[in-house]
């Protein structure tokens, strides 16, 4: 790992602390093997990235007793890093599904007559953003 890589990691951590503010970090590295007056390397990291915002308008539709499709609107902010994927999680059960765009398909052994809600998170290179609000409750569909 180079000094520039370390500085980028620090800058990204700072971005999480200082949300929605630009952070500009200069990196200065000295090659001590060449002596205390060795040439300096300066690199500008630019604006750091953060986790994405929360997706909106989640809606769930039960396809059958093992499949639920969840549609949503992507978040307004991708955190500056682009979104890698989205993950939907059920309550109850903690069943999950993952996709690169809407809709997300969750396959699980859903219990008939049990209501499930789902939330969605967007994930980028920094991590998972805040969860969407929950979908309306959906029951597994025994008669597809």
C-alpha atoms as a PDB file:
ATOM      1  CA  UNK A   1       0.000   0.000   0.000  1.00  0.00           C
ATOM      2  CA  UNK A   2       1.407   3.372  -0.970  1.00  0.00           C
ATOM      3  CA  UNK A   3       1.243   6.577   1.054  1.00  0.00           C
ATOM      4  CA  UNK A   4      -1.353   7.835  -1.414  1.00  0.00           C
ATOM      5  CA  UNK A   5      -3.520   4.729  -0.780  1.00  0.00           C
ATOM      6  CA  UNK A   6      -3.296   5.298   2.972  1.00  0.00           C
ATOM      7  CA  UNK A   7      -4.251   8.945   2.582  1.00  0.00           C
ATOM      8  CA  UNK A   8      -7.245   8.014   0.404  1.00  0.00           C
ATOM      9  CA  UNK A   9      -8.434   5.611   3.093  1.00  0.00           C
ATOM     10  CA  UNK A  10      -8.116   8.333   5.722  1.00  0.00           C
ATOM     11  CA  UNK A  11      -9.907  10.845   3.504  1.00  0.00           C
ATOM     12  CA  UNK A  12     -12.786   8.421   2.951  1.00  0.00           C
ATOM     13  CA  UNK A  13     -13.079   7.885   6.697  1.00  0.00           C
ATOM     14  CA  UNK A  14     -13.157  11.645   7.196  1.00  0.00           C
ATOM     15  CA  UNK A  15     -15.879  11.910   4.552  1.00  0.00           C
ATOM     16  CA  UNK A  16     -18.102   9.643   6.617  1.00  0.00           C
ATOM     17  CA  UNK A  17     -17.590  11.946   9.602  1.00  0.00           C
ATOM     18  CA  UNK A  18     -18.007  15.162   7.635  1.00  0.00           C
ATOM     19  CA  UNK A  19     -20.981  14.186   5.497  1.00  0.00           C
ATOM     20  CA  UNK A  20     -21.965  16.383   2.573  1.00  0.00           C
ATOM     21  CA  UNK A  21     -18.824  18.522   2.788  1.00  0.00           C
ATOM     22  CA  UNK A  22     -15.909  18.563   0.384  1.00  0.00           C
ATOM     23  CA  UNK A  23     -12.666  17.390   1.886  1.00  0.00           C
ATOM     24  CA  UNK A  24      -9.412  18.088   0.114  1.00  0.00           C
ATOM     25  CA  UNK A  25      -6.325  16.274   1.372  1.00  0.00           C
ATOM     26  CA  UNK A  26      -2.781  16.747   0.127  1.00  0.00           C
ATOM     27  CA  UNK A  27      -0.337  13.896   0.539  1.00  0.00           C
ATOM     28  CA  UNK A  28       3.322  14.540   1.140  1.00  0.00           C
ATOM     29  CA  UNK A  29       5.618  11.526   1.215  1.00  0.00           C
ATOM     30  CA  UNK A  30       9.344  11.567   1.929  1.00  0.00           C
ATOM     31  CA  UNK A  31      11.726   8.844   0.935  1.00  0.00           C
ATOM     32  CA  UNK A  32      13.804   8.641   4.134  1.00  0.00           C
ATOM     33  CA  UNK A  33      16.168   6.171   2.512  1.00  0.00           C
ATOM     34  CA  UNK A  34      17.392   9.065   0.369  1.00  0.00           C
ATOM     35  CA  UNK A  35      17.932  11.332   3.372  1.00  0.00           C
ATOM     36  CA  UNK A  36      15.948  14.017   5.204  1.00  0.00           C
ATOM     37  CA  UNK A  37      16.093  16.459   2.288  1.00  0.00           C
ATOM     38  CA  UNK A  38      14.848  14.008  -0.360  1.00  0.00           C
ATOM     39  CA  UNK A  39      12.388  15.241  -2.952  1.00  0.00           C
ATOM     40  CA  UNK A  40       8.748  15.431  -1.912  1.00  0.00           C
ATOM     41  CA  UNK A  41       5.881  13.732  -3.672  1.00  0.00           C
ATOM     42  CA  UNK A  42       2.658  15.685  -3.505  1.00  0.00           C
ATOM     43  CA  UNK A  43      -0.660  14.259  -4.631  1.00  0.00           C
ATOM     44  CA  UNK A  44      -4.140  15.728  -4.435  1.00  0.00           C
ATOM     45  CA  UNK A  45      -6.862  13.274  -3.498  1.00  0.00           C
ATOM     46  CA  UNK A  46      -9.783  15.406  -4.628  1.00  0.00           C
ATOM     47  CA  UNK A  47     -13.242  15.080  -3.145  1.00  0.00           C
ATOM     48  CA  UNK A  48     -13.732  11.909  -1.100  1.00  0.00           C
ATOM     49  CA  UNK A  49     -16.625   9.537  -1.546  1.00  0.00           C
ATOM     50  CA  UNK A  50     -19.255   8.421   0.956  1.00  0.00           C
ATOM     51  CA  UNK A  51     -21.935   5.754   1.249  1.00  0.00           C
ATOM     52  CA  UNK A  52     -24.958   6.181  -1.042  1.00  0.00           C
ATOM     53  CA  UNK A  53     -28.263   7.655   0.027  1.00  0.00           C
ATOM     54  CA  UNK A  54     -31.349   5.572   0.754  1.00  0.00           C
ATOM     55  CA  UNK A  55     -33.468   4.192  -2.101  1.00  0.00           C
ATOM     56  CA  UNK A  56     -37.071   5.422  -2.158  1.00  0.00           C
ATOM     57  CA  UNK A  57     -40.548   4.174  -3.072  1.00  0.00           C
ATOM     58  CA  UNK A  58     -40.035   0.486  -2.281  1.00  0.00           C
ATOM     59  CA  UNK A  59     -42.887  -1.812  -3.300  1.00  0.00           C
ATOM     60  CA  UNK A  60     -43.152  -5.586  -2.867  1.00  0.00           C
ATOM     61  CA  UNK A  61     -45.159  -8.108  -4.901  1.00  0.00           C
ATOM     62  CA  UNK A  62     -45.388 -11.778  -3.909  1.00  0.00           C
ATOM     63  CA  UNK A  63     -44.959 -14.008  -6.970  1.00  0.00           C
ATOM     64  CA  UNK A  64     -45.572 -17.263  -5.100  1.00  0.00           C
ATOM     65  CA  UNK A  65     -44.671 -18.814  -1.719  1.00  0.00           C
ATOM     66  CA  UNK A  66     -40.923 -18.666  -2.413  1.00  0.00           C
ATOM     67  CA  UNK A  67     -40.426 -15.444  -4.413  1.00  0.00           C
ATOM     68  CA  UNK A  68     -41.066 -11.751  -3.737  1.00  0.00           C
ATOM     69  CA  UNK A  69     -40.066  -8.988  -6.174  1.00  0.00           C
ATOM     70  CA  UNK A  70     -39.181  -5.607  -4.705  1.00  0.00           C
ATOM     71  CA  UNK A  71     -39.099  -2.513  -6.918  1.00  0.00           C
ATOM     72  CA  UNK A  72     -37.649   0.847  -5.855  1.00  0.00           C
ATOM     73  CA  UNK A  73     -36.274   4.174  -7.040  1.00  0.00           C
ATOM     74  CA  UNK A  74     -32.468   4.570  -6.773  1.00  0.00           C
ATOM     75  CA  UNK A  75     -31.196   7.112  -4.240  1.00  0.00           C
ATOM     76  CA  UNK A  76     -30.591  10.723  -5.235  1.00  0.00           C
ATOM     77  CA  UNK A  77     -26.913  10.363  -4.226  1.00  0.00           C
ATOM     78  CA  UNK A  78     -24.561   7.520  -5.089  1.00  0.00           C
ATOM     79  CA  UNK A  79     -22.005   8.933  -2.638  1.00  0.00           C
ATOM     80  CA  UNK A  80     -19.693   9.916  -5.474  1.00  0.00           C
ATOM     81  CA  UNK A  81     -18.503   6.364  -6.047  1.00  0.00           C
ATOM     82  CA  UNK A  82     -21.240   4.766  -8.140  1.00  0.00           C
ATOM     83  CA  UNK A  83     -23.538   2.082  -6.756  1.00  0.00           C
ATOM     84  CA  UNK A  84     -22.237  -1.481  -6.936  1.00  0.00           C
ATOM     85  CA  UNK A  85     -25.485  -3.247  -5.994  1.00  0.00           C
ATOM     86  CA  UNK A  86     -28.664  -3.095  -3.944  1.00  0.00           C
ATOM     87  CA  UNK A  87     -29.733  -5.477  -1.195  1.00  0.00           C
ATOM     88  CA  UNK A  88     -33.284  -6.098   0.038  1.00  0.00           C
ATOM     89  CA  UNK A  89     -33.934  -7.541   3.495  1.00  0.00           C
ATOM     90  CA  UNK A  90     -37.198  -8.943   4.861  1.00  0.00           C
ATOM     91  CA  UNK A  91     -38.801  -8.509   8.245  1.00  0.00           C
ATOM     92  CA  UNK A  92     -39.396 -11.003   9.727  1.00  0.00           C
ATOM     93  CA  UNK A  93     -36.877 -13.638   8.681  1.00  0.00           C
ATOM     94  CA  UNK A  94     -33.983 -11.499   7.472  1.00  0.00           C
ATOM     95  CA  UNK A  95     -34.286 -13.038   3.987  1.00  0.00           C
ATOM     96  CA  UNK A  96     -32.175 -11.160   1.442  1.00  0.00           C
ATOM     97  CA  UNK A  97     -31.854 -10.640  -2.276  1.00  0.00           C
ATOM     98  CA  UNK A  98     -29.280  -8.692  -4.261  1.00  0.00           C
ATOM     99  CA  UNK A  99     -29.389  -7.011  -7.686  1.00  0.00           C
ATOM    100  CA  UNK A 100     -27.658  -4.300  -9.703  1.00  0.00           C
ATOM    101  CA  UNK A 101     -30.941  -2.469 -10.346  1.00  0.00           C
ATOM    102  CA  UNK A 102     -34.667  -2.575  -9.616  1.00  0.00           C
ATOM    103  CA  UNK A 103     -36.399  -4.961  -9.110  1.00  0.00           C
ATOM    104  CA  UNK A 104     -34.695  -7.224  -6.573  1.00  0.00           C
ATOM    105  CA  UNK A 105     -35.919 -10.800  -6.338  1.00  0.00           C
ATOM    106  CA  UNK A 106     -35.894 -12.413  -2.894  1.00  0.00           C
ATOM    107  CA  UNK A 107     -36.196 -16.195  -2.852  1.00  0.00           C
ATOM    108  CA  UNK A 108     -36.839 -17.905   0.478  1.00  0.00           C
ATOM    109  CA  UNK A 109     -39.098 -20.300   2.330  1.00  0.00           C
ATOM    110  CA  UNK A 110     -41.701 -17.677   3.185  1.00  0.00           C
ATOM    111  CA  UNK A 111     -44.363 -18.791   5.682  1.00  0.00           C
ATOM    112  CA  UNK A 112     -47.885 -18.676   4.252  1.00  0.00           C
ATOM    113  CA  UNK A 113     -50.185 -16.232   6.104  1.00  0.00           C
ATOM    114  CA  UNK A 114     -47.181 -14.338   7.520  1.00  0.00           C
ATOM    115  CA  UNK A 115     -46.840 -10.723   6.448  1.00  0.00           C
ATOM    116  CA  UNK A 116     -43.422  -9.527   5.292  1.00  0.00           C
ATOM    117  CA  UNK A 117     -42.005  -6.052   4.732  1.00  0.00           C
ATOM    118  CA  UNK A 118     -38.745  -5.255   2.947  1.00  0.00           C
ATOM    119  CA  UNK A 119     -36.163  -2.487   3.092  1.00  0.00           C
ATOM    120  CA  UNK A 120     -33.485  -1.765   0.492  1.00  0.00           C
ATOM    121  CA  UNK A 121     -29.930  -0.470   0.876  1.00  0.00           C
ATOM    122  CA  UNK A 122     -27.613   0.791  -1.861  1.00  0.00           C
ATOM    123  CA  UNK A 123     -23.985  -0.335  -1.598  1.00  0.00           C
ATOM    124  CA  UNK A 124     -20.860   1.257  -3.100  1.00  0.00           C
ATOM    125  CA  UNK A 125     -17.117   0.816  -2.497  1.00  0.00           C
ATOM    126  CA  UNK A 126     -17.394   2.614   0.852  1.00  0.00           C
ATOM    127  CA  UNK A 127     -20.249   0.490   2.205  1.00  0.00           C
ATOM    128  CA  UNK A 128     -24.004   0.268   2.588  1.00  0.00           C
ATOM    129  CA  UNK A 129     -26.068   3.435   2.815  1.00  0.00           C
ATOM    130  CA  UNK A 130     -29.165   3.994   4.918  1.00  0.00           C
ATOM    131  CA  UNK A 131     -32.120   1.686   4.430  1.00  0.00           C
ATOM    132  CA  UNK A 132     -35.215   2.755   2.549  1.00  0.00           C
ATOM    133  CA  UNK A 133     -38.481   2.955   4.384  1.00  0.00           C
ATOM    134  CA  UNK A 134     -40.289  -0.397   4.538  1.00  0.00           C
ATOM    135  CA  UNK A 135     -42.552  -1.710   1.811  1.00  0.00           C
ATOM    136  CA  UNK A 136     -46.187  -2.307   2.574  1.00  0.00           C
ATOM    137  CA  UNK A 137     -46.751  -5.717   4.080  1.00  0.00           C
ATOM    138  CA  UNK A 138     -47.015  -8.552   1.567  1.00  0.00           C
ATOM    139  CA  UNK A 139     -48.241 -12.120   2.072  1.00  0.00           C
ATOM    140  CA  UNK A 140     -46.703 -15.075   0.180  1.00  0.00           C
ATOM    141  CA  UNK A 141     -48.913 -16.009  -2.777  1.00  0.00           C
ATOM    142  CA  UNK A 142     -49.997 -19.678  -2.588  1.00  0.00           C
ATOM    143  CA  UNK A 143     -51.925 -19.379  -5.885  1.00  0.00           C
ATOM    144  CA  UNK A 144     -49.581 -17.859  -8.477  1.00  0.00           C
END
